[in-house]
Amino acid sequence: MRALVGIAVVVAAASNAAARPSNPAFLGVGMTNTGAPGIAGPCEINTVTPGGSASAAGLRQGDKFLSIDGTSIPSCDALITFIQEREPGQQVKIDVLRNGNRISVKAELLSRTELLRRRFVGQILPAADVIRYDDRSDVDLGTRGKTTIVGWFDPRCVGCSTTFAQIDRWTRRTGKHVRVFAATKPPITDNLDELKPLAKTLDVPLLVADADTFKQFSIEDIDRLHFMVIDCRGIVSYVATIAPDAEDLDATLDELYAAAEQATRRMK
């Protein structure tokens, strides 16, 4: 499992290199272990995903996990393991330490796809500040009369380029009139030239969103892509979270293709 200490991550990262589902239970926090050297915990929240389970339950930055459903949470690894063993839709009781006081809250665990569905599906795509990497031109993702698939991803994602290649092959093979874009966030230095090696690995155009736009449309996660299908009316008709090495990758891609086909039929 990728080390999580000291970086903002979302709960339910992979615990090993084995295949995993794209949409396990998801609490929606960034976290870090705050113990003394040699002691991992306690696990402290440093970011809360807007609209996620933790946010809805009232968890805050600075809260330290004590237990979930009576099970002690001594570290961030323990928290990840606990959440991974639950199913989306399950409710849990979370005890945290806040300003020296023990606080108990109840949270309904969501999947990443469900969180994005609640944000976007059935709505006109909000304004998105994105440009093409190759010519720095502005791109309107909600252009009327076009069907668009856009996948939001962290530039550090391993295997994401391969997933875009699979989608590009599908559009070419089927002859579907679907625009496909890969959308990422700018480098910390704001020097877009740093994205040149990434752009070369992609079979679809690379878009760069400003930091606020990326945060609005994606979920901070270096292991997954967050796709949306935007129909010819500019309405988000479908969303899906995909892990490139997921055990359900083919099935999830088939659902994405079916949603894109349905969106193109609305154009006729």
C-alpha atoms as a PDB file:
ATOM      1  CA  MET A   1       0.000   0.000   0.000  1.00  0.00           C
ATOM      2  CA  ARG A   2       1.234   3.465  -0.830  1.00  0.00           C
ATOM      3  CA  ALA A   3       2.389   5.363   2.231  1.00  0.00           C
ATOM      4  CA  LEU A   4      -0.231   7.824   3.398  1.00  0.00           C
ATOM      5  CA  VAL A   5       1.503   9.607   6.269  1.00  0.00           C
ATOM      6  CA  GLY A   6       1.894  13.321   5.701  1.00  0.00           C
ATOM      7  CA  ILE A   7      -0.133  13.626   2.502  1.00  0.00           C
ATOM      8  CA  ALA A   8      -3.759  14.431   1.903  1.00  0.00           C
ATOM      9  CA  VAL A   9      -5.481  11.283   0.759  1.00  0.00           C
ATOM     10  CA  VAL A  10      -8.955   9.887   0.746  1.00  0.00           C
ATOM     11  CA  VAL A  11      -9.998   6.967   2.859  1.00  0.00           C
ATOM     12  CA  ALA A  12     -10.268   3.618   1.074  1.00  0.00           C
ATOM     13  CA  ALA A  13      -6.959   3.657  -0.790  1.00  0.00           C
ATOM     14  CA  ALA A  14      -5.667   0.240  -1.795  1.00  0.00           C
ATOM     15  CA  SER A  15      -4.112  -1.804   0.988  1.00  0.00           C
ATOM     16  CA  ASN A  16      -2.050  -3.926  -1.383  1.00  0.00           C
ATOM     17  CA  ALA A  17      -1.158  -4.364  -5.024  1.00  0.00           C
ATOM     18  CA  ALA A  18      -4.035  -6.746  -5.719  1.00  0.00           C
ATOM     19  CA  ALA A  19      -6.910  -5.811  -7.974  1.00  0.00           C
ATOM     20  CA  ARG A  20      -9.539  -3.741  -6.201  1.00  0.00           C
ATOM     21  CA  PRO A  21     -12.970  -2.298  -6.893  1.00  0.00           C
ATOM     22  CA  SER A  22     -13.196   1.199  -8.325  1.00  0.00           C
ATOM     23  CA  ASN A  23     -15.792   2.290  -5.791  1.00  0.00           C
ATOM     24  CA  PRO A  24     -15.223   0.952  -2.282  1.00  0.00           C
ATOM     25  CA  ALA A  25     -16.742   2.674   0.733  1.00  0.00           C
ATOM     26  CA  PHE A  26     -15.402   6.187   1.065  1.00  0.00           C
ATOM     27  CA  LEU A  27     -15.355   8.482   4.098  1.00  0.00           C
ATOM     28  CA  GLY A  28     -13.867  11.513   2.368  1.00  0.00           C
ATOM     29  CA  VAL A  29     -10.991  12.823   4.450  1.00  0.00           C
ATOM     30  CA  GLY A  30      -7.361  13.686   3.977  1.00  0.00           C
ATOM     31  CA  MET A  31      -5.376  12.585   6.996  1.00  0.00           C
ATOM     32  CA  THR A  32      -1.994  12.238   8.605  1.00  0.00           C
ATOM     33  CA  ASN A  33      -0.513  10.300  11.511  1.00  0.00           C
ATOM     34  CA  THR A  34       0.542  12.700  14.261  1.00  0.00           C
ATOM     35  CA  GLY A  35       2.294  10.415  16.733  1.00  0.00           C
ATOM     36  CA  ALA A  36       5.818  10.741  18.045  1.00  0.00           C
ATOM     37  CA  PRO A  37       8.646   9.042  16.100  1.00  0.00           C
ATOM     38  CA  GLY A  38       7.999   5.312  16.077  1.00  0.00           C
ATOM     39  CA  ILE A  39       4.341   5.789  17.013  1.00  0.00           C
ATOM     40  CA  ALA A  40       1.924   6.129  14.088  1.00  0.00           C
ATOM     41  CA  GLY A  41      -1.246   7.561  15.571  1.00  0.00           C
ATOM     42  CA  PRO A  42      -3.395   9.278  16.378  1.00  0.00           C
ATOM     43  CA  CYS A  43      -4.762   9.803  12.864  1.00  0.00           C
ATOM     44  CA  GLU A  44      -5.779  13.428  12.337  1.00  0.00           C
ATOM     45  CA  ILE A  45      -8.009  14.914   9.627  1.00  0.00           C
ATOM     46  CA  ASN A  46      -6.312  17.607   7.557  1.00  0.00           C
ATOM     47  CA  THR A  47      -8.880  17.961   4.755  1.00  0.00           C
ATOM     48  CA  VAL A  48     -12.565  17.121   4.376  1.00  0.00           C
ATOM     49  CA  THR A  49     -14.025  16.343   0.939  1.00  0.00           C
ATOM     50  CA  PRO A  50     -16.976  18.662   0.184  1.00  0.00           C
ATOM     51  CA  GLY A  51     -20.219  16.702   0.068  1.00  0.00           C
ATOM     52  CA  GLY A  52     -18.606  13.530   1.379  1.00  0.00           C
ATOM     53  CA  SER A  53     -19.624  11.371   4.318  1.00  0.00           C
ATOM     54  CA  ALA A  54     -17.263  13.059   6.753  1.00  0.00           C
ATOM     55  CA  SER A  55     -18.487  16.508   5.758  1.00  0.00           C
ATOM     56  CA  ALA A  56     -22.149  15.513   6.151  1.00  0.00           C
ATOM     57  CA  ALA A  57     -21.408  14.038   9.579  1.00  0.00           C
ATOM     58  CA  GLY A  58     -19.776  17.267  10.755  1.00  0.00           C
ATOM     59  CA  LEU A  59     -16.199  16.034  10.990  1.00  0.00           C
ATOM     60  CA  ARG A  60     -13.622  18.825  10.828  1.00  0.00           C
ATOM     61  CA  GLN A  61      -9.989  19.503  10.110  1.00  0.00           C
ATOM     62  CA  GLY A  62      -8.008  18.764  13.273  1.00  0.00           C
ATOM     63  CA  ASP A  63     -10.308  15.997  14.544  1.00  0.00           C
ATOM     64  CA  LYS A  64      -8.365  12.949  15.744  1.00  0.00           C
ATOM     65  CA  PHE A  65      -9.920   9.505  15.291  1.00  0.00           C
ATOM     66  CA  LEU A  66     -10.479   7.462  18.429  1.00  0.00           C
ATOM     67  CA  SER A  67     -12.803   4.649  17.328  1.00  0.00           C
ATOM     68  CA  ILE A  68     -15.410   3.567  14.773  1.00  0.00           C
ATOM     69  CA  ASP A  69     -18.304   1.367  15.862  1.00  0.00           C
ATOM     70  CA  GLY A  70     -16.392   0.744  19.066  1.00  0.00           C
ATOM     71  CA  THR A  71     -13.228  -0.456  17.289  1.00  0.00           C
ATOM     72  CA  SER A  72     -10.105   1.479  18.252  1.00  0.00           C
ATOM     73  CA  ILE A  73      -8.453   3.440  15.420  1.00  0.00           C
ATOM     74  CA  PRO A  74      -4.784   3.792  16.451  1.00  0.00           C
ATOM     75  CA  SER A  75      -3.477   4.977  13.055  1.00  0.00           C
ATOM     76  CA  CYS A  76      -4.465   6.090   9.576  1.00  0.00           C
ATOM     77  CA  ASP A  77      -3.711   2.607   8.240  1.00  0.00           C
ATOM     78  CA  ALA A  78      -6.203   1.187  10.738  1.00  0.00           C
ATOM     79  CA  LEU A  79      -8.791   3.712   9.578  1.00  0.00           C
ATOM     80  CA  ILE A  80      -8.293   2.762   5.926  1.00  0.00           C
ATOM     81  CA  THR A  81      -8.575  -0.935   6.703  1.00  0.00           C
ATOM     82  CA  PHE A  82     -11.775  -0.426   8.670  1.00  0.00           C
ATOM     83  CA  ILE A  83     -13.485   1.642   5.964  1.00  0.00           C
ATOM     84  CA  GLN A  84     -12.406  -0.746   3.179  1.00  0.00           C
ATOM     85  CA  GLU A  85     -14.167  -3.581   4.970  1.00  0.00           C
ATOM     86  CA  ARG A  86     -17.515  -1.734   4.891  1.00  0.00           C
ATOM     87  CA  GLU A  87     -19.975  -1.301   2.042  1.00  0.00           C
ATOM     88  CA  PRO A  88     -21.179   1.978   0.518  1.00  0.00           C
ATOM     89  CA  GLY A  89     -24.455   2.934   2.166  1.00  0.00           C
ATOM     90  CA  GLN A  90     -23.485   1.498   5.551  1.00  0.00           C
ATOM     91  CA  GLN A  91     -23.751   3.767   8.593  1.00  0.00           C
ATOM     92  CA  VAL A  92     -20.973   3.937  11.170  1.00  0.00           C
ATOM     93  CA  LYS A  93     -20.512   5.662  14.515  1.00  0.00           C
ATOM     94  CA  ILE A  94     -17.297   7.658  14.660  1.00  0.00           C
ATOM     95  CA  ASP A  95     -15.654   8.938  17.840  1.00  0.00           C
ATOM     96  CA  VAL A  96     -13.070  11.694  17.502  1.00  0.00           C
ATOM     97  CA  LEU A  97     -11.106  13.949  19.816  1.00  0.00           C
ATOM     98  CA  ARG A  98     -11.833  17.635  19.192  1.00  0.00           C
ATOM     99  CA  ASN A  99     -10.230  20.357  21.303  1.00  0.00           C
ATOM    100  CA  GLY A 100      -9.738  17.868  24.122  1.00  0.00           C
ATOM    101  CA  ASN A 101     -13.362  16.645  24.033  1.00  0.00           C
ATOM    102  CA  ARG A 102     -14.694  13.318  22.800  1.00  0.00           C
ATOM    103  CA  ILE A 103     -17.252  13.860  20.017  1.00  0.00           C
ATOM    104  CA  SER A 104     -19.477  11.142  18.523  1.00  0.00           C
ATOM    105  CA  VAL A 105     -21.076  11.405  15.074  1.00  0.00           C
ATOM    106  CA  LYS A 106     -22.852   9.047  12.695  1.00  0.00           C
ATOM    107  CA  ALA A 107     -21.826   8.882   9.045  1.00  0.00           C
ATOM    108  CA  GLU A 108     -23.279   7.137   6.008  1.00  0.00           C
ATOM    109  CA  LEU A 109     -20.429   5.844   3.883  1.00  0.00           C
ATOM    110  CA  LEU A 110     -20.695   6.738   0.194  1.00  0.00           C
ATOM    111  CA  SER A 111     -18.784   5.671  -2.881  1.00  0.00           C
ATOM    112  CA  ARG A 112     -16.892   8.242  -4.906  1.00  0.00           C
ATOM    113  CA  THR A 113     -19.281   7.767  -7.816  1.00  0.00           C
ATOM    114  CA  GLU A 114     -22.294   8.404  -5.589  1.00  0.00           C
ATOM    115  CA  LEU A 115     -20.739  11.612  -4.290  1.00  0.00           C
ATOM    116  CA  LEU A 116     -20.151  12.850  -7.844  1.00  0.00           C
ATOM    117  CA  ARG A 117     -23.618  11.733  -8.933  1.00  0.00           C
ATOM    118  CA  ARG A 118     -25.157  13.891  -6.221  1.00  0.00           C
ATOM    119  CA  ARG A 119     -23.028  16.832  -7.294  1.00  0.00           C
ATOM    120  CA  PHE A 120     -23.600  16.757 -11.030  1.00  0.00           C
ATOM    121  CA  VAL A 121     -25.927  14.238 -12.679  1.00  0.00           C
ATOM    122  CA  GLY A 122     -29.015  15.763 -14.239  1.00  0.00           C
ATOM    123  CA  GLN A 123     -27.615  19.283 -14.012  1.00  0.00           C
ATOM    124  CA  ILE A 124     -26.193  21.637 -16.601  1.00  0.00           C
ATOM    125  CA  LEU A 125     -22.419  21.450 -16.375  1.00  0.00           C
ATOM    126  CA  PRO A 126     -21.152  24.336 -14.222  1.00  0.00           C
ATOM    127  CA  ALA A 127     -18.676  26.743 -15.782  1.00  0.00           C
ATOM    128  CA  ALA A 128     -15.295  25.039 -16.050  1.00  0.00           C
ATOM    129  CA  ASP A 129     -12.073  27.005 -16.503  1.00  0.00           C
ATOM    130  CA  VAL A 130     -10.026  24.602 -18.663  1.00  0.00           C
ATOM    131  CA  ILE A 131      -7.590  24.985 -21.543  1.00  0.00           C
ATOM    132  CA  ARG A 132      -6.037  22.573 -24.010  1.00  0.00           C
ATOM    133  CA  TYR A 133      -2.434  21.822 -23.174  1.00  0.00           C
ATOM    134  CA  ASP A 134      -1.289  21.738 -26.805  1.00  0.00           C
ATOM    135  CA  ASP A 135      -2.398  25.199 -27.935  1.00  0.00           C
ATOM    136  CA  ARG A 136      -3.551  26.820 -24.662  1.00  0.00           C
ATOM    137  CA  SER A 137      -7.004  27.476 -26.135  1.00  0.00           C
ATOM    138  CA  ASP A 138     -10.132  27.613 -23.972  1.00  0.00           C
ATOM    139  CA  VAL A 139     -12.426  24.583 -24.073  1.00  0.00           C
ATOM    140  CA  ASP A 140     -16.173  24.568 -23.445  1.00  0.00           C
ATOM    141  CA  LEU A 141     -16.940  21.110 -22.092  1.00  0.00           C
ATOM    142  CA  GLY A 142     -20.663  21.763 -22.290  1.00  0.00           C
ATOM    143  CA  THR A 143     -20.753  22.759 -25.969  1.00  0.00           C
ATOM    144  CA  ARG A 144     -24.295  22.291 -27.272  1.00  0.00           C
ATOM    145  CA  GLY A 145     -24.704  19.674 -29.966  1.00  0.00           C
ATOM    146  CA  LYS A 146     -21.733  17.568 -28.843  1.00  0.00           C
ATOM    147  CA  THR A 147     -21.373  14.603 -26.536  1.00  0.00           C
ATOM    148  CA  THR A 148     -18.294  14.721 -24.342  1.00  0.00           C
ATOM    149  CA  ILE A 149     -16.480  12.271 -22.084  1.00  0.00           C
ATOM    150  CA  VAL A 150     -14.002  13.938 -19.747  1.00  0.00           C
ATOM    151  CA  GLY A 151     -11.886  12.137 -17.175  1.00  0.00           C
ATOM    152  CA  TRP A 152     -10.445  14.151 -14.306  1.00  0.00           C
ATOM    153  CA  PHE A 153      -7.228  12.706 -12.911  1.00  0.00           C
ATOM    154  CA  ASP A 154      -4.112  13.514 -10.920  1.00  0.00           C
ATOM    155  CA  PRO A 155      -0.988  13.698 -13.132  1.00  0.00           C
ATOM    156  CA  ARG A 156       0.724  11.210 -10.792  1.00  0.00           C
ATOM    157  CA  CYS A 157      -1.860   8.506 -11.544  1.00  0.00           C
ATOM    158  CA  VAL A 158      -0.258   5.262 -12.676  1.00  0.00           C
ATOM    159  CA  GLY A 159      -2.140   3.598 -15.523  1.00  0.00           C
ATOM    160  CA  CYS A 160      -4.524   6.452 -16.257  1.00  0.00           C
ATOM    161  CA  SER A 161      -3.106   6.950 -19.752  1.00  0.00           C
ATOM    162  CA  THR A 162      -3.937   3.333 -20.570  1.00  0.00           C
ATOM    163  CA  THR A 163      -7.550   3.859 -19.537  1.00  0.00           C
ATOM    164  CA  PHE A 164      -7.866   6.864 -21.844  1.00  0.00           C
ATOM    165  CA  ALA A 165      -6.341   4.790 -24.645  1.00  0.00           C
ATOM    166  CA  GLN A 166      -9.045   2.144 -24.172  1.00  0.00           C
ATOM    167  CA  ILE A 167     -11.784   4.766 -24.418  1.00  0.00           C
ATOM    168  CA  ASP A 168     -10.178   6.343 -27.477  1.00  0.00           C
ATOM    169  CA  ARG A 169     -10.061   2.929 -29.195  1.00  0.00           C
ATOM    170  CA  TRP A 170     -13.754   2.436 -28.431  1.00  0.00           C
ATOM    171  CA  THR A 171     -14.723   5.748 -30.056  1.00  0.00           C
ATOM    172  CA  ARG A 172     -12.635   4.980 -33.150  1.00  0.00           C
ATOM    173  CA  ARG A 173     -13.894   1.414 -33.456  1.00  0.00           C
ATOM    174  CA  THR A 174     -17.562   2.309 -33.060  1.00  0.00           C
ATOM    175  CA  GLY A 175     -17.420   5.575 -34.985  1.00  0.00           C
ATOM    176  CA  LYS A 176     -19.253   7.369 -32.197  1.00  0.00           C
ATOM    177  CA  HIS A 177     -19.219  11.150 -32.439  1.00  0.00           C
ATOM    178  CA  VAL A 178     -17.932  11.628 -28.918  1.00  0.00           C
ATOM    179  CA  ARG A 179     -15.261  14.053 -27.776  1.00  0.00           C
ATOM    180  CA  VAL A 180     -12.876  12.516 -25.221  1.00  0.00           C
ATOM    181  CA  PHE A 181     -10.646  14.645 -23.003  1.00  0.00           C
ATOM    182  CA  ALA A 182      -8.201  13.970 -20.185  1.00  0.00           C
ATOM    183  CA  ALA A 183      -8.333  16.788 -17.616  1.00  0.00           C
ATOM    184  CA  THR A 184      -5.744  17.383 -14.942  1.00  0.00           C
ATOM    185  CA  LYS A 185      -4.609  20.104 -12.570  1.00  0.00           C
ATOM    186  CA  PRO A 186      -1.694  22.491 -13.098  1.00  0.00           C
ATOM    187  CA  PRO A 187       1.740  21.755 -11.631  1.00  0.00           C
ATOM    188  CA  ILE A 188       2.570  23.382  -8.311  1.00  0.00           C
ATOM    189  CA  THR A 189       4.951  25.705 -10.171  1.00  0.00           C
ATOM    190  CA  ASP A 190       2.203  26.697 -12.665  1.00  0.00           C
ATOM    191  CA  ASN A 191       4.718  25.898 -15.420  1.00  0.00           C
ATOM    192  CA  LEU A 192       2.530  23.957 -17.842  1.00  0.00           C
ATOM    193  CA  ASP A 193       5.577  22.700 -19.728  1.00  0.00           C
ATOM    194  CA  GLU A 194       6.066  20.266 -16.853  1.00  0.00           C
ATOM    195  CA  LEU A 195       3.030  18.391 -18.207  1.00  0.00           C
ATOM    196  CA  LYS A 196       4.674  17.719 -21.576  1.00  0.00           C
ATOM    197  CA  PRO A 197       5.794  14.154 -20.695  1.00  0.00           C
ATOM    198  CA  LEU A 198       2.253  13.371 -19.528  1.00  0.00           C
ATOM    199  CA  ALA A 199       0.666  14.794 -22.677  1.00  0.00           C
ATOM    200  CA  LYS A 200       2.896  12.545 -24.804  1.00  0.00           C
ATOM    201  CA  THR A 201       1.516   9.431 -23.095  1.00  0.00           C
ATOM    202  CA  LEU A 202      -2.101  10.285 -23.899  1.00  0.00           C
ATOM    203  CA  ASP A 203      -4.098   9.293 -26.984  1.00  0.00           C
ATOM    204  CA  VAL A 204      -6.655  12.027 -26.264  1.00  0.00           C
ATOM    205  CA  PRO A 205      -6.234  15.801 -25.814  1.00  0.00           C
ATOM    206  CA  LEU A 206      -4.947  16.897 -22.423  1.00  0.00           C
ATOM    207  CA  LEU A 207      -6.856  19.666 -20.693  1.00  0.00           C
ATOM    208  CA  VAL A 208      -5.535  21.680 -17.774  1.00  0.00           C
ATOM    209  CA  ALA A 209      -7.972  23.075 -15.220  1.00  0.00           C
ATOM    210  CA  ASP A 210      -7.191  25.752 -12.701  1.00  0.00           C
ATOM    211  CA  ALA A 211      -6.875  24.467  -9.144  1.00  0.00           C
ATOM    212  CA  ASP A 212     -10.379  25.539  -8.065  1.00  0.00           C
ATOM    213  CA  THR A 213     -12.039  23.985 -11.111  1.00  0.00           C
ATOM    214  CA  PHE A 214     -10.195  20.701 -10.630  1.00  0.00           C
ATOM    215  CA  LYS A 215     -11.230  20.576  -6.981  1.00  0.00           C
ATOM    216  CA  GLN A 216     -14.851  21.230  -7.945  1.00  0.00           C
ATOM    217  CA  PHE A 217     -15.064  18.507 -10.591  1.00  0.00           C
ATOM    218  CA  SER A 218     -12.806  15.847  -9.122  1.00  0.00           C
ATOM    219  CA  ILE A 219     -11.948  14.098  -5.862  1.00  0.00           C
ATOM    220  CA  GLU A 220      -8.381  14.251  -4.584  1.00  0.00           C
ATOM    221  CA  ASP A 221      -7.124  10.756  -5.354  1.00  0.00           C
ATOM    222  CA  ILE A 222      -3.961   9.796  -7.215  1.00  0.00           C
ATOM    223  CA  ASP A 223      -5.192   6.253  -7.916  1.00  0.00           C
ATOM    224  CA  ARG A 224      -8.476   6.901  -9.727  1.00  0.00           C
ATOM    225  CA  LEU A 225     -10.050   8.792 -12.620  1.00  0.00           C
ATOM    226  CA  HIS A 226     -13.384  10.563 -12.268  1.00  0.00           C
ATOM    227  CA  PHE A 227     -15.352  10.477 -15.515  1.00  0.00           C
ATOM    228  CA  MET A 228     -18.429  12.366 -16.594  1.00  0.00           C
ATOM    229  CA  VAL A 229     -20.537  12.154 -19.738  1.00  0.00           C
ATOM    230  CA  ILE A 230     -21.950  15.492 -20.894  1.00  0.00           C
ATOM    231  CA  ASP A 231     -24.757  15.279 -23.436  1.00  0.00           C
ATOM    232  CA  CYS A 232     -25.588  17.519 -26.371  1.00  0.00           C
ATOM    233  CA  ARG A 233     -27.597  19.849 -24.129  1.00  0.00           C
ATOM    234  CA  GLY A 234     -24.654  20.456 -21.806  1.00  0.00           C
ATOM    235  CA  ILE A 235     -26.188  18.295 -19.081  1.00  0.00           C
ATOM    236  CA  VAL A 236     -24.124  15.817 -17.073  1.00  0.00           C
ATOM    237  CA  SER A 237     -25.858  12.506 -17.743  1.00  0.00           C
ATOM    238  CA  TYR A 238     -23.449  10.070 -16.102  1.00  0.00           C
ATOM    239  CA  VAL A 239     -20.457   9.905 -13.771  1.00  0.00           C
ATOM    240  CA  ALA A 240     -18.108   7.060 -12.893  1.00  0.00           C
ATOM    241  CA  THR A 241     -14.994   6.610 -10.802  1.00  0.00           C
ATOM    242  CA  ILE A 242     -12.497   4.179 -12.307  1.00  0.00           C
ATOM    243  CA  ALA A 243      -9.280   2.702 -10.947  1.00  0.00           C
ATOM    244  CA  PRO A 244      -7.011   1.658 -13.853  1.00  0.00           C
ATOM    245  CA  ASP A 245      -6.117  -1.608 -12.110  1.00  0.00           C
ATOM    246  CA  ALA A 246      -9.623  -2.306 -10.782  1.00  0.00           C
ATOM    247  CA  GLU A 247     -11.095  -5.780 -10.865  1.00  0.00           C
ATOM    248  CA  ASP A 248     -14.262  -4.257 -12.329  1.00  0.00           C
ATOM    249  CA  LEU A 249     -12.528  -2.094 -14.955  1.00  0.00           C
ATOM    250  CA  ASP A 250     -14.100  -3.681 -18.041  1.00  0.00           C
ATOM    251  CA  ALA A 251     -17.598  -3.634 -16.569  1.00  0.00           C
ATOM    252  CA  THR A 252     -17.253  -0.005 -15.499  1.00  0.00           C
ATOM    253  CA  LEU A 253     -15.980   1.015 -18.932  1.00  0.00           C
ATOM    254  CA  ASP A 254     -18.906  -0.792 -20.577  1.00  0.00           C
ATOM    255  CA  GLU A 255     -21.284   1.291 -18.443  1.00  0.00           C
ATOM    256  CA  LEU A 256     -19.444   4.444 -19.481  1.00  0.00           C
ATOM    257  CA  TYR A 257     -19.720   3.500 -23.170  1.00  0.00           C
ATOM    258  CA  ALA A 258     -23.433   2.761 -22.795  1.00  0.00           C
ATOM    259  CA  ALA A 259     -23.993   6.161 -21.180  1.00  0.00           C
ATOM    260  CA  ALA A 260     -22.097   7.890 -24.001  1.00  0.00           C
ATOM    261  CA  GLU A 261     -24.110   6.005 -26.644  1.00  0.00           C
ATOM    262  CA  GLN A 262     -27.352   7.053 -24.988  1.00  0.00           C
ATOM    263  CA  ALA A 263     -26.168  10.668 -24.882  1.00  0.00           C
ATOM    264  CA  THR A 264     -25.356  10.620 -28.618  1.00  0.00           C
ATOM    265  CA  ARG A 265     -28.845   9.311 -29.418  1.00  0.00           C
ATOM    266  CA  ARG A 266     -30.287  12.478 -27.910  1.00  0.00           C
ATOM    267  CA  MET A 267     -28.642  14.378 -30.756  1.00  0.00           C
ATOM    268  CA  LYS A 268     -30.750  12.657 -33.431  1.00  0.00           C
END
